[in-house]
Amino acid sequence: MTIYKDTTGVDLREWVEEAEYKGWSKKGVRVPYKDLAATVKFLRQMKVLVAKP
């Protein structure tokens, strides 16, 4: 959970470990907290469609 521009959200970021930098990259997505339930519902629906039998 992070606060960015006065809005709360969940950041999903890539972790990088290189010689010059170690930490979270800019690559990723941010889901606003108000949209979190709808996003989780959507991802669960997608899981059924892409899961291998």
PDB file of N, CA and C in Angstrom:
ATOM      1  N   MET A   1       0.852  -1.167   0.000  1.00  0.00           N
ATOM      2  CA  MET A   1       0.000   0.000   0.000  1.00  0.00           C
ATOM      3  C   MET A   1       0.900   1.233   0.000  1.00  0.00           C
ATOM      4  N   THR A   2       0.596   2.134  -0.914  1.00  0.00           N
ATOM      5  CA  THR A   2       1.351   3.382  -0.981  1.00  0.00           C
ATOM      6  C   THR A   2       0.385   4.544  -1.178  1.00  0.00           C
ATOM      7  N   ILE A   3       0.871   5.710  -0.859  1.00  0.00           N
ATOM      8  CA  ILE A   3       0.106   6.930  -1.112  1.00  0.00           C
ATOM      9  C   ILE A   3       0.872   7.722  -2.162  1.00  0.00           C
ATOM     10  N   TYR A   4       0.196   8.059  -3.248  1.00  0.00           N
ATOM     11  CA  TYR A   4       0.804   8.821  -4.340  1.00  0.00           C
ATOM     12  C   TYR A   4      -0.205   9.854  -4.796  1.00  0.00           C
ATOM     13  N   LYS A   5       0.196  11.102  -4.794  1.00  0.00           N
ATOM     14  CA  LYS A   5      -0.691  12.206  -5.182  1.00  0.00           C
ATOM     15  C   LYS A   5      -2.014  12.153  -4.414  1.00  0.00           C
ATOM     16  N   ASP A   6      -1.908  11.945  -3.109  1.00  0.00           N
ATOM     17  CA  ASP A   6      -3.058  11.919  -2.195  1.00  0.00           C
ATOM     18  C   ASP A   6      -4.054  10.796  -2.454  1.00  0.00           C
ATOM     19  N   THR A   7      -3.652   9.736  -3.164  1.00  0.00           N
ATOM     20  CA  THR A   7      -4.522   8.570  -3.336  1.00  0.00           C
ATOM     21  C   THR A   7      -3.784   7.327  -2.858  1.00  0.00           C
ATOM     22  N   THR A   8      -4.511   6.407  -2.254  1.00  0.00           N
ATOM     23  CA  THR A   8      -3.944   5.163  -1.747  1.00  0.00           C
ATOM     24  C   THR A   8      -4.089   4.087  -2.812  1.00  0.00           C
ATOM     25  N   GLY A   9      -3.072   3.260  -2.951  1.00  0.00           N
ATOM     26  CA  GLY A   9      -3.127   2.193  -3.941  1.00  0.00           C
ATOM     27  C   GLY A   9      -2.130   1.096  -3.633  1.00  0.00           C
ATOM     28  N   VAL A  10      -2.142   0.071  -4.468  1.00  0.00           N
ATOM     29  CA  VAL A  10      -1.230  -1.061  -4.354  1.00  0.00           C
ATOM     30  C   VAL A  10      -0.302  -1.030  -5.558  1.00  0.00           C
ATOM     31  N   ASP A  11       1.006  -1.017  -5.303  1.00  0.00           N
ATOM     32  CA  ASP A  11       2.002  -1.033  -6.372  1.00  0.00           C
ATOM     33  C   ASP A  11       2.522  -2.447  -6.564  1.00  0.00           C
ATOM     34  N   LEU A  12       2.544  -2.907  -7.792  1.00  0.00           N
ATOM     35  CA  LEU A  12       3.131  -4.196  -8.155  1.00  0.00           C
ATOM     36  C   LEU A  12       4.330  -3.884  -9.030  1.00  0.00           C
ATOM     37  N   ARG A  13       5.524  -4.066  -8.485  1.00  0.00           N
ATOM     38  CA  ARG A  13       6.754  -3.661  -9.159  1.00  0.00           C
ATOM     39  C   ARG A  13       7.739  -4.814  -9.274  1.00  0.00           C
ATOM     40  N   GLU A  14       8.646  -4.677 -10.232  1.00  0.00           N
ATOM     41  CA  GLU A  14       9.720  -5.639 -10.442  1.00  0.00           C
ATOM     42  C   GLU A  14      10.890  -5.306  -9.520  1.00  0.00           C
ATOM     43  N   TRP A  15      11.473  -6.318  -8.870  1.00  0.00           N
ATOM     44  CA  TRP A  15      12.653  -6.126  -8.022  1.00  0.00           C
ATOM     45  C   TRP A  15      13.894  -6.333  -8.880  1.00  0.00           C
ATOM     46  N   VAL A  16      14.835  -5.399  -8.800  1.00  0.00           N
ATOM     47  CA  VAL A  16      16.048  -5.436  -9.617  1.00  0.00           C
ATOM     48  C   VAL A  16      17.268  -5.536  -8.713  1.00  0.00           C
ATOM     49  N   GLU A  17      18.185  -6.435  -9.066  1.00  0.00           N
ATOM     50  CA  GLU A  17      19.464  -6.531  -8.368  1.00  0.00           C
ATOM     51  C   GLU A  17      20.567  -6.495  -9.408  1.00  0.00           C
ATOM     52  N   GLU A  18      21.145  -5.311  -9.590  1.00  0.00           N
ATOM     53  CA  GLU A  18      22.240  -5.116 -10.526  1.00  0.00           C
ATOM     54  C   GLU A  18      23.386  -4.436  -9.795  1.00  0.00           C
ATOM     55  N   ALA A  19      24.545  -4.357 -10.428  1.00  0.00           N
ATOM     56  CA  ALA A  19      25.719  -3.752  -9.795  1.00  0.00           C
ATOM     57  C   ALA A  19      25.467  -2.299  -9.408  1.00  0.00           C
ATOM     58  N   GLU A  20      24.772  -1.553 -10.258  1.00  0.00           N
ATOM     59  CA  GLU A  20      24.567  -0.127  -9.995  1.00  0.00           C
ATOM     60  C   GLU A  20      23.274   0.199  -9.255  1.00  0.00           C
ATOM     61  N   TYR A  21      22.352  -0.762  -9.156  1.00  0.00           N
ATOM     62  CA  TYR A  21      21.076  -0.469  -8.497  1.00  0.00           C
ATOM     63  C   TYR A  21      20.468  -1.734  -7.935  1.00  0.00           C
ATOM     64  N   LYS A  22      19.926  -1.623  -6.733  1.00  0.00           N
ATOM     65  CA  LYS A  22      19.201  -2.731  -6.111  1.00  0.00           C
ATOM     66  C   LYS A  22      17.937  -2.148  -5.495  1.00  0.00           C
ATOM     67  N   GLY A  23      16.785  -2.610  -5.956  1.00  0.00           N
ATOM     68  CA  GLY A  23      15.528  -2.111  -5.409  1.00  0.00           C
ATOM     69  C   GLY A  23      14.395  -2.253  -6.406  1.00  0.00           C
ATOM     70  N   TRP A  24      13.282  -1.626  -6.092  1.00  0.00           N
ATOM     71  CA  TRP A  24      12.096  -1.686  -6.944  1.00  0.00           C
ATOM     72  C   TRP A  24      12.302  -0.840  -8.189  1.00  0.00           C
ATOM     73  N   SER A  25      11.933  -1.376  -9.349  1.00  0.00           N
ATOM     74  CA  SER A  25      12.072  -0.638 -10.600  1.00  0.00           C
ATOM     75  C   SER A  25      10.822   0.197 -10.864  1.00  0.00           C
ATOM     76  N   LYS A  26      10.861   0.951 -11.939  1.00  0.00           N
ATOM     77  CA  LYS A  26       9.690   1.725 -12.353  1.00  0.00           C
ATOM     78  C   LYS A  26       8.716   0.854 -13.135  1.00  0.00           C
ATOM     79  N   LYS A  27       9.160  -0.339 -13.539  1.00  0.00           N
ATOM     80  CA  LYS A  27       8.292  -1.244 -14.288  1.00  0.00           C
ATOM     81  C   LYS A  27       7.256  -1.843 -13.348  1.00  0.00           C
ATOM     82  N   GLY A  28       6.016  -1.758 -13.732  1.00  0.00           N
ATOM     83  CA  GLY A  28       4.962  -2.325 -12.910  1.00  0.00           C
ATOM     84  C   GLY A  28       3.663  -1.567 -13.094  1.00  0.00           C
ATOM     85  N   VAL A  29       2.730  -1.847 -12.218  1.00  0.00           N
ATOM     86  CA  VAL A  29       1.415  -1.193 -12.288  1.00  0.00           C
ATOM     87  C   VAL A  29       1.000  -0.732 -10.902  1.00  0.00           C
ATOM     88  N   ARG A  30       0.101   0.214 -10.890  1.00  0.00           N
ATOM     89  CA  ARG A  30      -0.460   0.716  -9.643  1.00  0.00           C
ATOM     90  C   ARG A  30      -1.972   0.582  -9.720  1.00  0.00           C
ATOM     91  N   VAL A  31      -2.552  -0.083  -8.744  1.00  0.00           N
ATOM     92  CA  VAL A  31      -3.998  -0.267  -8.689  1.00  0.00           C
ATOM     93  C   VAL A  31      -4.538   0.628  -7.567  1.00  0.00           C
ATOM     94  N   PRO A  32      -5.390   1.587  -7.898  1.00  0.00           N
ATOM     95  CA  PRO A  32      -5.981   2.423  -6.850  1.00  0.00           C
ATOM     96  C   PRO A  32      -6.776   1.558  -5.871  1.00  0.00           C
ATOM     97  N   TYR A  33      -6.702   1.896  -4.598  1.00  0.00           N
ATOM     98  CA  TYR A  33      -7.374   1.107  -3.570  1.00  0.00           C
ATOM     99  C   TYR A  33      -8.870   0.973  -3.842  1.00  0.00           C
ATOM    100  N   LYS A  34      -9.481   2.036  -4.351  1.00  0.00           N
ATOM    101  CA  LYS A  34     -10.927   1.992  -4.613  1.00  0.00           C
ATOM    102  C   LYS A  34     -11.275   0.964  -5.697  1.00  0.00           C
ATOM    103  N   ASP A  35     -10.305   0.585  -6.548  1.00  0.00           N
ATOM    104  CA  ASP A  35     -10.539  -0.373  -7.629  1.00  0.00           C
ATOM    105  C   ASP A  35      -9.995  -1.762  -7.317  1.00  0.00           C
ATOM    106  N   LEU A  36      -9.480  -1.957  -6.119  1.00  0.00           N
ATOM    107  CA  LEU A  36      -8.814  -3.210  -5.777  1.00  0.00           C
ATOM    108  C   LEU A  36      -9.756  -4.415  -5.838  1.00  0.00           C
ATOM    109  N   ALA A  37     -10.933  -4.317  -5.287  1.00  0.00           N
ATOM    110  CA  ALA A  37     -11.879  -5.446  -5.293  1.00  0.00           C
ATOM    111  C   ALA A  37     -12.252  -5.847  -6.718  1.00  0.00           C
ATOM    112  N   ALA A  38     -12.517  -4.872  -7.572  1.00  0.00           N
ATOM    113  CA  ALA A  38     -12.872  -5.165  -8.970  1.00  0.00           C
ATOM    114  C   ALA A  38     -11.688  -5.785  -9.709  1.00  0.00           C
ATOM    115  N   THR A  39     -10.474  -5.333  -9.389  1.00  0.00           N
ATOM    116  CA  THR A  39      -9.278  -5.874 -10.033  1.00  0.00           C
ATOM    117  C   THR A  39      -9.057  -7.324  -9.630  1.00  0.00           C
ATOM    118  N   VAL A  40      -9.217  -7.627  -8.350  1.00  0.00           N
ATOM    119  CA  VAL A  40      -9.060  -9.003  -7.878  1.00  0.00           C
ATOM    120  C   VAL A  40     -10.112  -9.905  -8.520  1.00  0.00           C
ATOM    121  N   LYS A  41     -11.346  -9.442  -8.619  1.00  0.00           N
ATOM    122  CA  LYS A  41     -12.408 -10.221  -9.258  1.00  0.00           C
ATOM    123  C   LYS A  41     -12.054 -10.503 -10.715  1.00  0.00           C
ATOM    124  N   PHE A  42     -11.576  -9.488 -11.421  1.00  0.00           N
ATOM    125  CA  PHE A  42     -11.186  -9.652 -12.816  1.00  0.00           C
ATOM    126  C   PHE A  42     -10.043 -10.655 -12.955  1.00  0.00           C
ATOM    127  N   LEU A  43      -9.024 -10.565 -12.097  1.00  0.00           N
ATOM    128  CA  LEU A  43      -7.891 -11.479 -12.167  1.00  0.00           C
ATOM    129  C   LEU A  43      -8.311 -12.919 -11.883  1.00  0.00           C
ATOM    130  N   ARG A  44      -9.251 -13.106 -10.971  1.00  0.00           N
ATOM    131  CA  ARG A  44      -9.753 -14.466 -10.697  1.00  0.00           C
ATOM    132  C   ARG A  44     -10.476 -15.032 -11.917  1.00  0.00           C
ATOM    133  N   GLN A  45     -11.234 -14.190 -12.611  1.00  0.00           N
ATOM    134  CA  GLN A  45     -11.909 -14.632 -13.832  1.00  0.00           C
ATOM    135  C   GLN A  45     -10.886 -14.998 -14.912  1.00  0.00           C
ATOM    136  N   MET A  46      -9.830 -14.210 -15.026  1.00  0.00           N
ATOM    137  CA  MET A  46      -8.801 -14.473 -16.027  1.00  0.00           C
ATOM    138  C   MET A  46      -8.021 -15.748 -15.708  1.00  0.00           C
ATOM    139  N   LYS A  47      -7.819 -16.019 -14.430  1.00  0.00           N
ATOM    140  CA  LYS A  47      -7.091 -17.224 -14.020  1.00  0.00           C
ATOM    141  C   LYS A  47      -7.782 -18.478 -14.552  1.00  0.00           C
ATOM    142  N   VAL A  48      -9.093 -18.493 -14.505  1.00  0.00           N
ATOM    143  CA  VAL A  48      -9.854 -19.644 -15.001  1.00  0.00           C
ATOM    144  C   VAL A  48      -9.629 -19.827 -16.505  1.00  0.00           C
ATOM    145  N   LEU A  49      -9.527 -18.735 -17.213  1.00  0.00           N
ATOM    146  CA  LEU A  49      -9.369 -18.801 -18.669  1.00  0.00           C
ATOM    147  C   LEU A  49      -7.968 -19.197 -19.114  1.00  0.00           C
ATOM    148  N   VAL A  50      -6.951 -18.856 -18.333  1.00  0.00           N
ATOM    149  CA  VAL A  50      -5.580 -19.130 -18.756  1.00  0.00           C
ATOM    150  C   VAL A  50      -4.927 -20.309 -18.036  1.00  0.00           C
ATOM    151  N   ALA A  51      -5.600 -20.872 -17.028  1.00  0.00           N
ATOM    152  CA  ALA A  51      -5.033 -21.996 -16.271  1.00  0.00           C
ATOM    153  C   ALA A  51      -4.934 -23.242 -17.143  1.00  0.00           C
ATOM    154  N   LYS A  52      -3.852 -23.970 -16.968  1.00  0.00           N
ATOM    155  CA  LYS A  52      -3.682 -25.221 -17.701  1.00  0.00           C
ATOM    156  C   LYS A  52      -4.418 -26.331 -16.960  1.00  0.00           C
ATOM    157  N   PRO A  53      -5.112 -27.187 -17.704  1.00  0.00           N
ATOM    158  CA  PRO A  53      -5.862 -28.281 -17.050  1.00  0.00           C
ATOM    159  C   PRO A  53      -4.958 -29.319 -16.428  1.00  0.00           C
TER     160      PRO A  53
END
